[in-house]
Amino acid sequence: MTGSAKATVFIDNERVIVTEYRFQPGDNTGWHRHGHDYVVVPLMDGKVKLVTKDGESFAEMKKGAPYFRKEGVEHDVISANDGEYAFIEIELK
């Protein structure tokens, strides 16, 4: 990914990759395709803009409320917040 969000990999082993993404207003992950099933755990309440091949949408994120997605998702994730925003992504190998 080549976005402006700060990605910090905490764990990368034979079973999982655990990465924290930290965004300033307007930061993005960059366009990417998920090569593994994954779980996202928001570290704070906020909103993200999701850009896909089908268009744009917004998602409300709630602190500590995880969600799961299957391998193959392609998108860019953009912070739609006035301040810092962050989440943890856990990729399942």
Protein backbone atom coordinates (compact mmCIF):
# COMPACT_ATOMS: atom_id res chain seq x y z
CA MET A 1 0.00 0.00 0.00
CA THR A 2 1.21 3.47 -0.80
CA GLY A 3 -1.20 5.64 1.16
CA SER A 4 -0.50 8.39 3.66
CA ALA A 5 -1.84 6.55 6.76
CA LYS A 6 0.89 5.30 9.09
CA ALA A 7 1.00 1.47 9.12
CA THR A 8 2.82 -0.26 11.99
CA VAL A 9 3.15 -4.05 11.81
CA PHE A 10 3.18 -5.52 15.32
CA ILE A 11 3.06 -9.24 14.45
CA ASP A 12 3.86 -11.07 11.22
CA ASN A 13 4.19 -14.82 11.64
CA GLU A 14 2.99 -18.02 9.97
CA ARG A 15 -0.60 -17.51 11.21
CA VAL A 16 -1.41 -13.76 11.35
CA ILE A 17 -0.36 -10.24 10.41
CA VAL A 18 -1.41 -7.59 12.96
CA THR A 19 -1.11 -3.99 11.77
CA GLU A 20 -2.15 -0.69 13.32
CA TYR A 21 -3.28 1.97 10.84
CA ARG A 22 -3.15 5.54 12.16
CA PHE A 23 -4.73 8.36 10.14
CA GLN A 24 -4.68 12.12 10.25
CA PRO A 25 -7.69 13.84 8.62
CA GLY A 26 -7.83 12.85 4.93
CA ASP A 27 -5.10 10.19 5.17
CA ASN A 28 -5.66 6.99 3.22
CA THR A 29 -4.38 3.43 3.03
CA GLY A 30 -3.87 3.50 -0.73
CA TRP A 31 -5.65 1.17 -3.15
CA HIS A 32 -5.11 -2.47 -2.14
CA ARG A 33 -6.48 -6.00 -2.40
CA HIS A 34 -6.72 -8.12 0.72
CA GLY A 35 -4.87 -11.39 0.22
CA HIS A 36 -6.23 -12.93 3.42
CA ASP A 37 -9.46 -12.99 5.43
CA TYR A 38 -9.21 -10.23 8.05
CA VAL A 39 -10.71 -8.62 11.13
CA VAL A 40 -10.65 -4.88 11.84
CA VAL A 41 -10.90 -3.56 15.41
CA PRO A 42 -11.46 0.23 15.63
CA LEU A 43 -9.45 1.90 18.40
CA MET A 44 -11.86 4.84 18.55
CA ASP A 45 -15.22 5.94 17.21
CA GLY A 46 -15.05 7.50 13.76
CA LYS A 47 -16.00 7.39 10.12
CA VAL A 48 -14.13 6.12 7.07
CA LYS A 49 -14.76 6.63 3.38
CA LEU A 50 -14.45 3.44 1.33
CA VAL A 51 -13.58 3.75 -2.35
CA THR A 52 -14.17 0.62 -4.45
CA LYS A 53 -14.48 -0.13 -8.16
CA ASP A 54 -18.25 0.32 -7.67
CA GLY A 55 -18.03 3.79 -6.10
CA GLU A 56 -17.78 5.41 -2.68
CA SER A 57 -19.49 4.77 0.64
CA PHE A 58 -19.02 5.71 4.28
CA ALA A 59 -18.80 3.42 7.31
CA GLU A 60 -19.34 4.38 10.94
CA MET A 61 -16.70 2.73 13.12
CA LYS A 62 -17.31 2.06 16.82
CA LYS A 63 -14.44 1.70 19.29
CA GLY A 64 -13.80 -1.96 20.09
CA ALA A 65 -16.53 -3.30 17.74
CA PRO A 66 -14.75 -5.69 15.35
CA TYR A 67 -15.87 -6.71 11.88
CA PHE A 68 -14.77 -9.52 9.55
CA ARG A 69 -14.20 -9.51 5.78
CA LYS A 70 -13.21 -12.27 3.34
CA GLU A 71 -10.07 -12.33 1.22
CA GLY A 72 -10.33 -10.44 -2.06
CA VAL A 73 -11.74 -7.09 -0.91
CA GLU A 74 -10.27 -4.28 -3.05
CA HIS A 75 -10.51 -0.69 -1.87
CA ASP A 76 -8.91 2.49 -0.56
CA VAL A 77 -9.81 3.50 3.01
CA ILE A 78 -9.81 7.25 3.72
CA SER A 79 -10.27 8.92 7.10
CA ALA A 80 -13.42 11.06 7.18
CA ASN A 81 -12.69 12.45 10.67
CA ASP A 82 -11.69 15.90 11.92
CA GLY A 83 -8.95 14.44 14.15
CA GLU A 84 -6.72 11.40 14.43
CA TYR A 85 -8.27 7.99 13.77
CA ALA A 86 -6.86 4.46 14.16
CA PHE A 87 -7.72 0.78 13.86
CA ILE A 88 -6.03 -2.59 14.19
CA GLU A 89 -6.22 -5.02 11.26
CA ILE A 90 -5.67 -8.73 11.88
CA GLU A 91 -5.05 -10.75 8.71
CA LEU A 92 -5.58 -14.51 9.01
CA LYS A 93 -3.09 -16.54 6.99
